[in-house]
Amino acid sequence: NPLIGASGVSAVPDSARVVHAEGLKADPTNYLLMHAMAPNVAG
């Protein structure tokens, strides 16, 4: 999901949480937090 690319910045864990929130807005069953944490800590 391209949204998780936004969590590549180093604002841990807020950026991952924002990605997760935006994913839920598009689909309430789409949980992106754990996926977004990978580029977040990589950032």
All heavy atoms as atom14 arrays in JSON, in Angstrom:
{
  "sequence": "NPLIGASGVSAVPDSARVVHAEGLKADPTNYLLMHAMAPNVAG",
  "atom14_mask": [
    [1, 1, 1, 1, 1, 1, 1, 1, 0, 0, 0, 0, 0, 0],
    [1, 1, 1, 1, 1, 1, 1, 0, 0, 0, 0, 0, 0, 0],
    [1, 1, 1, 1, 1, 1, 1, 1, 0, 0, 0, 0, 0, 0],
    [1, 1, 1, 1, 1, 1, 1, 1, 0, 0, 0, 0, 0, 0],
    [1, 1, 1, 1, 0, 0, 0, 0, 0, 0, 0, 0, 0, 0],
    [1, 1, 1, 1, 1, 0, 0, 0, 0, 0, 0, 0, 0, 0],
    [1, 1, 1, 1, 1, 1, 0, 0, 0, 0, 0, 0, 0, 0],
    [1, 1, 1, 1, 0, 0, 0, 0, 0, 0, 0, 0, 0, 0],
    [1, 1, 1, 1, 1, 1, 1, 0, 0, 0, 0, 0, 0, 0],
    [1, 1, 1, 1, 1, 1, 0, 0, 0, 0, 0, 0, 0, 0],
    [1, 1, 1, 1, 1, 0, 0, 0, 0, 0, 0, 0, 0, 0],
    [1, 1, 1, 1, 1, 1, 1, 0, 0, 0, 0, 0, 0, 0],
    [1, 1, 1, 1, 1, 1, 1, 0, 0, 0, 0, 0, 0, 0],
    [1, 1, 1, 1, 1, 1, 1, 1, 0, 0, 0, 0, 0, 0],
    [1, 1, 1, 1, 1, 1, 0, 0, 0, 0, 0, 0, 0, 0],
    [1, 1, 1, 1, 1, 0, 0, 0, 0, 0, 0, 0, 0, 0],
    [1, 1, 1, 1, 1, 1, 1, 1, 1, 1, 1, 0, 0, 0],
    [1, 1, 1, 1, 1, 1, 1, 0, 0, 0, 0, 0, 0, 0],
    [1, 1, 1, 1, 1, 1, 1, 0, 0, 0, 0, 0, 0, 0],
    [1, 1, 1, 1, 1, 1, 1, 1, 1, 1, 0, 0, 0, 0],
    [1, 1, 1, 1, 1, 0, 0, 0, 0, 0, 0, 0, 0, 0],
    [1, 1, 1, 1, 1, 1, 1, 1, 1, 0, 0, 0, 0, 0],
    [1, 1, 1, 1, 0, 0, 0, 0, 0, 0, 0, 0, 0, 0],
    [1, 1, 1, 1, 1, 1, 1, 1, 0, 0, 0, 0, 0, 0],
    [1, 1, 1, 1, 1, 1, 1, 1, 1, 0, 0, 0, 0, 0],
    [1, 1, 1, 1, 1, 0, 0, 0, 0, 0, 0, 0, 0, 0],
    [1, 1, 1, 1, 1, 1, 1, 1, 0, 0, 0, 0, 0, 0],
    [1, 1, 1, 1, 1, 1, 1, 0, 0, 0, 0, 0, 0, 0],
    [1, 1, 1, 1, 1, 1, 1, 0, 0, 0, 0, 0, 0, 0],
    [1, 1, 1, 1, 1, 1, 1, 1, 0, 0, 0, 0, 0, 0],
    [1, 1, 1, 1, 1, 1, 1, 1, 1, 1, 1, 1, 0, 0],
    [1, 1, 1, 1, 1, 1, 1, 1, 0, 0, 0, 0, 0, 0],
    [1, 1, 1, 1, 1, 1, 1, 1, 0, 0, 0, 0, 0, 0],
    [1, 1, 1, 1, 1, 1, 1, 1, 0, 0, 0, 0, 0, 0],
    [1, 1, 1, 1, 1, 1, 1, 1, 1, 1, 0, 0, 0, 0],
    [1, 1, 1, 1, 1, 0, 0, 0, 0, 0, 0, 0, 0, 0],
    [1, 1, 1, 1, 1, 1, 1, 1, 0, 0, 0, 0, 0, 0],
    [1, 1, 1, 1, 1, 0, 0, 0, 0, 0, 0, 0, 0, 0],
    [1, 1, 1, 1, 1, 1, 1, 0, 0, 0, 0, 0, 0, 0],
    [1, 1, 1, 1, 1, 1, 1, 1, 0, 0, 0, 0, 0, 0],
    [1, 1, 1, 1, 1, 1, 1, 0, 0, 0, 0, 0, 0, 0],
    [1, 1, 1, 1, 1, 0, 0, 0, 0, 0, 0, 0, 0, 0],
    [1, 1, 1, 1, 0, 0, 0, 0, 0, 0, 0, 0, 0, 0]
  ],
  "atom14_positions": [
    [[0.86, -1.18, 0.0], [0.0, 0.0, 0.0], [0.9, 1.24, 0.0], [1.71, 1.42, 0.92], [-0.89, -0.01, 1.24], [-1.98, 1.04, 1.19], [-1.71, 2.2, 0.87], [-3.2, 0.64, 1.5], [0.0, 0.0, 0.0], [0.0, 0.0, 0.0], [0.0, 0.0, 0.0], [0.0, 0.0, 0.0], [0.0, 0.0, 0.0], [0.0, 0.0, 0.0]],
    [[0.8, 2.08, -1.04], [1.72, 3.24, -1.13], [1.67, 4.17, 0.08], [2.63, 4.91, 0.33], [1.25, 3.96, -2.4], [0.53, 2.94, -3.19], [-0.11, 2.02, -2.18], [0.0, 0.0, 0.0], [0.0, 0.0, 0.0], [0.0, 0.0, 0.0], [0.0, 0.0, 0.0], [0.0, 0.0, 0.0], [0.0, 0.0, 0.0], [0.0, 0.0, 0.0]],
    [[0.58, 4.12, 0.84], [0.49, 5.0, 2.0], [1.64, 4.79, 2.98], [2.12, 5.73, 3.6], [-0.84, 4.77, 2.74], [-2.12, 5.3, 2.07], [-3.34, 4.89, 2.9], [-2.06, 6.8, 1.91], [0.0, 0.0, 0.0], [0.0, 0.0, 0.0], [0.0, 0.0, 0.0], [0.0, 0.0, 0.0], [0.0, 0.0, 0.0], [0.0, 0.0, 0.0]],
    [[2.12, 3.54, 3.09], [3.17, 3.28, 4.08], [4.48, 3.95, 3.69], [5.37, 4.1, 4.54], [3.38, 1.76, 4.3], [4.01, 1.11, 3.08], [2.07, 1.08, 4.68], [4.45, -0.32, 3.34], [0.0, 0.0, 0.0], [0.0, 0.0, 0.0], [0.0, 0.0, 0.0], [0.0, 0.0, 0.0], [0.0, 0.0, 0.0], [0.0, 0.0, 0.0]],
    [[4.61, 4.37, 2.44], [5.81, 5.1, 2.03], [5.97, 6.41, 2.77], [7.09, 6.89, 3.0], [0.0, 0.0, 0.0], [0.0, 0.0, 0.0], [0.0, 0.0, 0.0], [0.0, 0.0, 0.0], [0.0, 0.0, 0.0], [0.0, 0.0, 0.0], [0.0, 0.0, 0.0], [0.0, 0.0, 0.0], [0.0, 0.0, 0.0], [0.0, 0.0, 0.0]],
    [[4.84, 7.01, 3.19], [4.89, 8.28, 3.92], [5.53, 8.12, 5.29], [6.03, 9.08, 5.87], [3.49, 8.85, 4.07], [0.0, 0.0, 0.0], [0.0, 0.0, 0.0], [0.0, 0.0, 0.0], [0.0, 0.0, 0.0], [0.0, 0.0, 0.0], [0.0, 0.0, 0.0], [0.0, 0.0, 0.0], [0.0, 0.0, 0.0], [0.0, 0.0, 0.0]],
    [[5.52, 6.9, 5.82], [6.11, 6.67, 7.15], [7.61, 6.47, 7.08], [8.24, 6.15, 8.09], [5.45, 5.47, 7.83], [5.7, 4.28, 7.11], [0.0, 0.0, 0.0], [0.0, 0.0, 0.0], [0.0, 0.0, 0.0], [0.0, 0.0, 0.0], [0.0, 0.0, 0.0], [0.0, 0.0, 0.0], [0.0, 0.0, 0.0], [0.0, 0.0, 0.0]],
    [[8.19, 6.66, 5.89], [9.64, 6.55, 5.76], [10.39, 7.66, 6.47], [11.6, 7.55, 6.7], [0.0, 0.0, 0.0], [0.0, 0.0, 0.0], [0.0, 0.0, 0.0], [0.0, 0.0, 0.0], [0.0, 0.0, 0.0], [0.0, 0.0, 0.0], [0.0, 0.0, 0.0], [0.0, 0.0, 0.0], [0.0, 0.0, 0.0], [0.0, 0.0, 0.0]],
    [[9.69, 8.74, 6.83], [10.34, 9.79, 7.63], [10.55, 9.25, 9.04], [9.93, 8.27, 9.45], [9.5, 11.08, 7.65], [9.33, 11.64, 6.26], [8.15, 10.84, 8.28], [0.0, 0.0, 0.0], [0.0, 0.0, 0.0], [0.0, 0.0, 0.0], [0.0, 0.0, 0.0], [0.0, 0.0, 0.0], [0.0, 0.0, 0.0], [0.0, 0.0, 0.0]],
    [[11.39, 9.91, 9.79], [11.84, 9.35, 11.06], [11.01, 9.79, 12.26], [11.5, 9.78, 13.38], [13.31, 9.74, 11.3], [13.8, 9.17, 12.47], [0.0, 0.0, 0.0], [0.0, 0.0, 0.0], [0.0, 0.0, 0.0], [0.0, 0.0, 0.0], [0.0, 0.0, 0.0], [0.0, 0.0, 0.0], [0.0, 0.0, 0.0], [0.0, 0.0, 0.0]],
    [[9.78, 10.19, 12.05], [8.92, 10.6, 13.16], [8.23, 9.36, 13.73], [7.12, 9.01, 13.35], [7.89, 11.61, 12.68], [0.0, 0.0, 0.0], [0.0, 0.0, 0.0], [0.0, 0.0, 0.0], [0.0, 0.0, 0.0], [0.0, 0.0, 0.0], [0.0, 0.0, 0.0], [0.0, 0.0, 0.0], [0.0, 0.0, 0.0], [0.0, 0.0, 0.0]],
    [[8.93, 8.68, 14.64], [8.44, 7.42, 15.21], [7.7, 7.69, 16.51], [8.2, 8.42, 17.37], [9.62, 6.46, 15.49], [9.13, 5.16, 16.1], [10.4, 6.18, 14.21], [0.0, 0.0, 0.0], [0.0, 0.0, 0.0], [0.0, 0.0, 0.0], [0.0, 0.0, 0.0], [0.0, 0.0, 0.0], [0.0, 0.0, 0.0], [0.0, 0.0, 0.0]],
    [[6.52, 7.08, 16.71], [5.74, 6.29, 15.77], [4.6, 7.08, 15.12], [3.7, 6.49, 14.54], [5.17, 5.19, 16.67], [4.9, 5.91, 17.96], [5.97, 6.98, 18.09], [0.0, 0.0, 0.0], [0.0, 0.0, 0.0], [0.0, 0.0, 0.0], [0.0, 0.0, 0.0], [0.0, 0.0, 0.0], [0.0, 0.0, 0.0], [0.0, 0.0, 0.0]],
    [[4.62, 8.39, 15.26], [3.49, 9.2, 14.81], [3.2, 9.03, 13.33], [2.03, 8.96, 12.92], [3.74, 10.68, 15.12], [3.34, 11.03, 16.54], [2.97, 10.1, 17.28], [3.42, 12.2, 16.92], [0.0, 0.0, 0.0], [0.0, 0.0, 0.0], [0.0, 0.0, 0.0], [0.0, 0.0, 0.0], [0.0, 0.0, 0.0], [0.0, 0.0, 0.0]],
    [[4.24, 8.97, 12.52], [4.03, 8.85, 11.08], [3.33, 7.53, 10.75], [2.43, 7.48, 9.91], [5.36, 8.96, 10.34], [5.15, 9.06, 8.96], [0.0, 0.0, 0.0], [0.0, 0.0, 0.0], [0.0, 0.0, 0.0], [0.0, 0.0, 0.0], [0.0, 0.0, 0.0], [0.0, 0.0, 0.0], [0.0, 0.0, 0.0], [0.0, 0.0, 0.0]],
    [[3.74, 6.45, 11.42], [3.09, 5.15, 11.2], [1.62, 5.2, 11.63], [0.74, 4.61, 10.98], [3.84, 4.06, 11.95], [0.0, 0.0, 0.0], [0.0, 0.0, 0.0], [0.0, 0.0, 0.0], [0.0, 0.0, 0.0], [0.0, 0.0, 0.0], [0.0, 0.0, 0.0], [0.0, 0.0, 0.0], [0.0, 0.0, 0.0], [0.0, 0.0, 0.0]],
    [[1.35, 5.9, 12.7], [-0.04, 6.02, 13.17], [-0.89, 6.8, 12.18], [-2.06, 6.47, 11.94], [-0.06, 6.71, 14.53], [0.49, 5.87, 15.67], [0.58, 6.69, 16.93], [1.12, 5.93, 18.05], [1.54, 6.46, 19.18], [1.5, 7.79, 19.35], [2.02, 5.7, 20.15], [0.0, 0.0, 0.0], [0.0, 0.0, 0.0], [0.0, 0.0, 0.0]],
    [[-0.31, 7.86, 11.6], [-1.05, 8.64, 10.61], [-1.36, 7.8, 9.38], [-2.47, 7.84, 8.84], [-0.24, 9.9, 10.21], [-0.87, 10.6, 9.02], [-0.14, 10.86, 11.39], [0.0, 0.0, 0.0], [0.0, 0.0, 0.0], [0.0, 0.0, 0.0], [0.0, 0.0, 0.0], [0.0, 0.0, 0.0], [0.0, 0.0, 0.0], [0.0, 0.0, 0.0]],
    [[-0.39, 7.01, 8.94], [-0.62, 6.1, 7.81], [-1.75, 5.13, 8.13], [-2.64, 4.88, 7.3], [0.69, 5.33, 7.48], [0.4, 4.17, 6.52], [1.71, 6.27, 6.87], [0.0, 0.0, 0.0], [0.0, 0.0, 0.0], [0.0, 0.0, 0.0], [0.0, 0.0, 0.0], [0.0, 0.0, 0.0], [0.0, 0.0, 0.0], [0.0, 0.0, 0.0]],
    [[-1.71, 4.57, 9.32], [-2.74, 3.62, 9.74], [-4.12, 4.29, 9.73], [-5.11, 3.71, 9.26], [-2.42, 3.1, 11.14], [-3.41, 2.14, 11.69], [-3.64, 0.89, 11.14], [-4.25, 2.23, 12.75], [-4.57, 0.26, 11.84], [-4.96, 1.06, 12.82], [0.0, 0.0, 0.0], [0.0, 0.0, 0.0], [0.0, 0.0, 0.0], [0.0, 0.0, 0.0]],
    [[-4.18, 5.52, 10.24], [-5.46, 6.24, 10.28], [-6.0, 6.52, 8.88], [-7.21, 6.38, 8.62], [-5.29, 7.55, 11.05], [0.0, 0.0, 0.0], [0.0, 0.0, 0.0], [0.0, 0.0, 0.0], [0.0, 0.0, 0.0], [0.0, 0.0, 0.0], [0.0, 0.0, 0.0], [0.0, 0.0, 0.0], [0.0, 0.0, 0.0], [0.0, 0.0, 0.0]],
    [[-5.1, 6.89, 7.96], [-5.55, 7.15, 6.59], [-6.0, 5.88, 5.9], [-6.95, 5.88, 5.11], [-4.41, 7.81, 5.79], [-4.09, 9.22, 6.22], [-5.29, 10.15, 6.1], [-5.93, 10.18, 5.02], [-5.58, 10.86, 7.08], [0.0, 0.0, 0.0], [0.0, 0.0, 0.0], [0.0, 0.0, 0.0], [0.0, 0.0, 0.0], [0.0, 0.0, 0.0]],
    [[-5.34, 4.76, 6.2], [-5.76, 3.48, 5.64], [-7.14, 3.08, 6.13], [-7.96, 2.56, 5.36], [0.0, 0.0, 0.0], [0.0, 0.0, 0.0], [0.0, 0.0, 0.0], [0.0, 0.0, 0.0], [0.0, 0.0, 0.0], [0.0, 0.0, 0.0], [0.0, 0.0, 0.0], [0.0, 0.0, 0.0], [0.0, 0.0, 0.0], [0.0, 0.0, 0.0]],
    [[-7.42, 3.34, 7.41], [-8.74, 3.02, 7.96], [-9.84, 3.89, 7.36], [-10.99, 3.45, 7.23], [-8.72, 3.17, 9.48], [-7.9, 2.15, 10.27], [-7.93, 2.48, 11.75], [-8.42, 0.74, 10.03], [0.0, 0.0, 0.0], [0.0, 0.0, 0.0], [0.0, 0.0, 0.0], [0.0, 0.0, 0.0], [0.0, 0.0, 0.0], [0.0, 0.0, 0.0]],
    [[-9.49, 5.12, 7.0], [-10.49, 5.98, 6.36], [-10.9, 5.42, 5.0], [-12.07, 5.51, 4.61], [-9.92, 7.39, 6.18], [-9.78, 8.17, 7.48], [-9.18, 9.55, 7.22], [-8.95, 10.32, 8.52], [-8.32, 11.64, 8.27], [0.0, 0.0, 0.0], [0.0, 0.0, 0.0], [0.0, 0.0, 0.0], [0.0, 0.0, 0.0], [0.0, 0.0, 0.0]],
    [[-9.94, 4.85, 4.29], [-10.25, 4.27, 2.98], [-10.96, 2.93, 3.12], [-11.87, 2.61, 2.33], [-8.96, 4.1, 2.17], [0.0, 0.0, 0.0], [0.0, 0.0, 0.0], [0.0, 0.0, 0.0], [0.0, 0.0, 0.0], [0.0, 0.0, 0.0], [0.0, 0.0, 0.0], [0.0, 0.0, 0.0], [0.0, 0.0, 0.0], [0.0, 0.0, 0.0]],
    [[-10.54, 2.14, 4.12], [-11.13, 0.82, 4.34], [-11.0, 0.5, 5.83], [-9.9, 0.26, 6.32], [-10.41, -0.23, 3.5], [-10.98, -1.63, 3.72], [-11.91, -1.79, 4.55], [-10.5, -2.58, 3.06], [0.0, 0.0, 0.0], [0.0, 0.0, 0.0], [0.0, 0.0, 0.0], [0.0, 0.0, 0.0], [0.0, 0.0, 0.0], [0.0, 0.0, 0.0]],
    [[-12.13, 0.5, 6.57], [-12.07, 0.28, 8.01], [-11.49, -1.06, 8.42], [-11.21, -1.28, 9.61], [-13.55, 0.39, 8.44], [-14.2, 1.2, 7.38], [-13.5, 0.85, 6.11], [0.0, 0.0, 0.0], [0.0, 0.0, 0.0], [0.0, 0.0, 0.0], [0.0, 0.0, 0.0], [0.0, 0.0, 0.0], [0.0, 0.0, 0.0], [0.0, 0.0, 0.0]],
    [[-11.31, -1.99, 7.47], [-10.75, -3.3, 7.81], [-9.27, -3.42, 7.42], [-8.68, -4.49, 7.53], [-11.54, -4.42, 7.11], [-11.39, -4.3, 5.69], [-13.02, -4.35, 7.46], [0.0, 0.0, 0.0], [0.0, 0.0, 0.0], [0.0, 0.0, 0.0], [0.0, 0.0, 0.0], [0.0, 0.0, 0.0], [0.0, 0.0, 0.0], [0.0, 0.0, 0.0]],
    [[-8.69, -2.31, 6.93], [-7.31, -2.35, 6.43], [-6.37, -1.82, 7.52], [-6.31, -0.61, 7.76], [-7.19, -1.52, 5.15], [-5.91, -1.81, 4.41], [-5.15, -2.69, 4.78], [-5.67, -1.07, 3.35], [0.0, 0.0, 0.0], [0.0, 0.0, 0.0], [0.0, 0.0, 0.0], [0.0, 0.0, 0.0], [0.0, 0.0, 0.0], [0.0, 0.0, 0.0]],
    [[-5.65, -2.71, 8.17], [-4.77, -2.34, 9.27], [-3.33, -2.25, 8.77], [-2.72, -3.27, 8.43], [-4.89, -3.35, 10.41], [-6.29, -3.41, 10.99], [-7.19, -4.38, 10.57], [-6.7, -2.48, 11.94], [-8.48, -4.43, 11.08], [-7.98, -2.51, 12.47], [-8.87, -3.49, 12.04], [-10.14, -3.52, 12.54], [0.0, 0.0, 0.0], [0.0, 0.0, 0.0]],
    [[-2.79, -1.04, 8.75], [-1.48, -0.81, 8.16], [-0.39, -0.49, 9.19], [0.76, -0.28, 8.82], [-1.55, 0.36, 7.16], [-2.42, 0.14, 5.92], [-2.49, 1.44, 5.1], [-1.84, -0.98, 5.06], [0.0, 0.0, 0.0], [0.0, 0.0, 0.0], [0.0, 0.0, 0.0], [0.0, 0.0, 0.0], [0.0, 0.0, 0.0], [0.0, 0.0, 0.0]],
    [[-0.74, -0.47, 10.47], [0.21, 0.01, 11.47], [1.5, -0.81, 11.48], [2.6, -0.24, 11.43], [-0.43, -0.01, 12.85], [0.44, 0.54, 13.99], [0.82, 2.0, 13.73], [-0.27, 0.41, 15.33], [0.0, 0.0, 0.0], [0.0, 0.0, 0.0], [0.0, 0.0, 0.0], [0.0, 0.0, 0.0], [0.0, 0.0, 0.0], [0.0, 0.0, 0.0]],
    [[1.4, -2.13, 11.56], [2.6, -2.95, 11.63], [3.43, -2.84, 10.35], [4.65, -2.84, 10.39], [2.22, -4.41, 11.88], [1.75, -4.68, 13.3], [2.95, -4.12, 14.56], [4.36, -5.13, 14.16], [0.0, 0.0, 0.0], [0.0, 0.0, 0.0], [0.0, 0.0, 0.0], [0.0, 0.0, 0.0], [0.0, 0.0, 0.0], [0.0, 0.0, 0.0]],
    [[2.73, -2.76, 9.2], [3.46, -2.6, 7.94], [4.16, -1.24, 7.89], [5.3, -1.13, 7.42], [2.49, -2.72, 6.75], [1.78, -4.03, 6.69], [2.42, -5.2, 6.37], [0.48, -4.35, 6.89], [1.54, -6.19, 6.38], [0.36, -5.7, 6.71], [0.0, 0.0, 0.0], [0.0, 0.0, 0.0], [0.0, 0.0, 0.0], [0.0, 0.0, 0.0]],
    [[3.5, -0.19, 8.4], [4.07, 1.16, 8.35], [5.24, 1.31, 9.31], [6.12, 2.14, 9.08], [3.0, 2.19, 8.68], [0.0, 0.0, 0.0], [0.0, 0.0, 0.0], [0.0, 0.0, 0.0], [0.0, 0.0, 0.0], [0.0, 0.0, 0.0], [0.0, 0.0, 0.0], [0.0, 0.0, 0.0], [0.0, 0.0, 0.0], [0.0, 0.0, 0.0]],
    [[5.28, 0.49, 10.36], [6.39, 0.6, 11.32], [7.72, 0.22, 10.69], [8.77, 0.7, 11.12], [6.11, -0.28, 12.54], [5.16, 0.34, 13.55], [5.71, 1.94, 14.2], [7.23, 1.48, 15.02], [0.0, 0.0, 0.0], [0.0, 0.0, 0.0], [0.0, 0.0, 0.0], [0.0, 0.0, 0.0], [0.0, 0.0, 0.0], [0.0, 0.0, 0.0]],
    [[7.69, -0.65, 9.66], [8.95, -1.07, 9.03], [9.67, 0.11, 8.37], [10.84, 0.38, 8.7], [8.68, -2.19, 8.03], [0.0, 0.0, 0.0], [0.0, 0.0, 0.0], [0.0, 0.0, 0.0], [0.0, 0.0, 0.0], [0.0, 0.0, 0.0], [0.0, 0.0, 0.0], [0.0, 0.0, 0.0], [0.0, 0.0, 0.0], [0.0, 0.0, 0.0]],
    [[9.04, 0.83, 7.45], [9.74, 2.0, 6.9], [9.95, 3.11, 7.93], [10.9, 3.89, 7.81], [8.81, 2.49, 5.77], [7.49, 1.87, 6.03], [7.77, 0.59, 6.76], [0.0, 0.0, 0.0], [0.0, 0.0, 0.0], [0.0, 0.0, 0.0], [0.0, 0.0, 0.0], [0.0, 0.0, 0.0], [0.0, 0.0, 0.0], [0.0, 0.0, 0.0]],
    [[9.11, 3.16, 8.97], [9.27, 4.19, 10.0], [10.58, 4.01, 10.77], [11.37, 4.95, 10.93], [8.07, 4.16, 10.95], [7.74, 5.51, 11.56], [6.84, 5.64, 12.38], [8.45, 6.54, 11.17], [0.0, 0.0, 0.0], [0.0, 0.0, 0.0], [0.0, 0.0, 0.0], [0.0, 0.0, 0.0], [0.0, 0.0, 0.0], [0.0, 0.0, 0.0]],
    [[10.83, 2.78, 11.23], [12.09, 2.54, 11.95], [13.27, 2.56, 10.98], [14.4, 2.93, 11.36], [12.05, 1.22, 12.74], [10.99, 1.28, 13.82], [11.81, 0.02, 11.83], [0.0, 0.0, 0.0], [0.0, 0.0, 0.0], [0.0, 0.0, 0.0], [0.0, 0.0, 0.0], [0.0, 0.0, 0.0], [0.0, 0.0, 0.0], [0.0, 0.0, 0.0]],
    [[13.02, 2.19, 9.72], [14.08, 2.3, 8.72], [14.45, 3.76, 8.5], [15.61, 4.09, 8.22], [13.63, 1.67, 7.4], [0.0, 0.0, 0.0], [0.0, 0.0, 0.0], [0.0, 0.0, 0.0], [0.0, 0.0, 0.0], [0.0, 0.0, 0.0], [0.0, 0.0, 0.0], [0.0, 0.0, 0.0], [0.0, 0.0, 0.0], [0.0, 0.0, 0.0]],
    [[13.45, 4.65, 8.63], [13.72, 6.07, 8.51], [14.63, 6.58, 9.61], [15.47, 7.46, 9.38], [0.0, 0.0, 0.0], [0.0, 0.0, 0.0], [0.0, 0.0, 0.0], [0.0, 0.0, 0.0], [0.0, 0.0, 0.0], [0.0, 0.0, 0.0], [0.0, 0.0, 0.0], [0.0, 0.0, 0.0], [0.0, 0.0, 0.0], [0.0, 0.0, 0.0]]
  ]
}
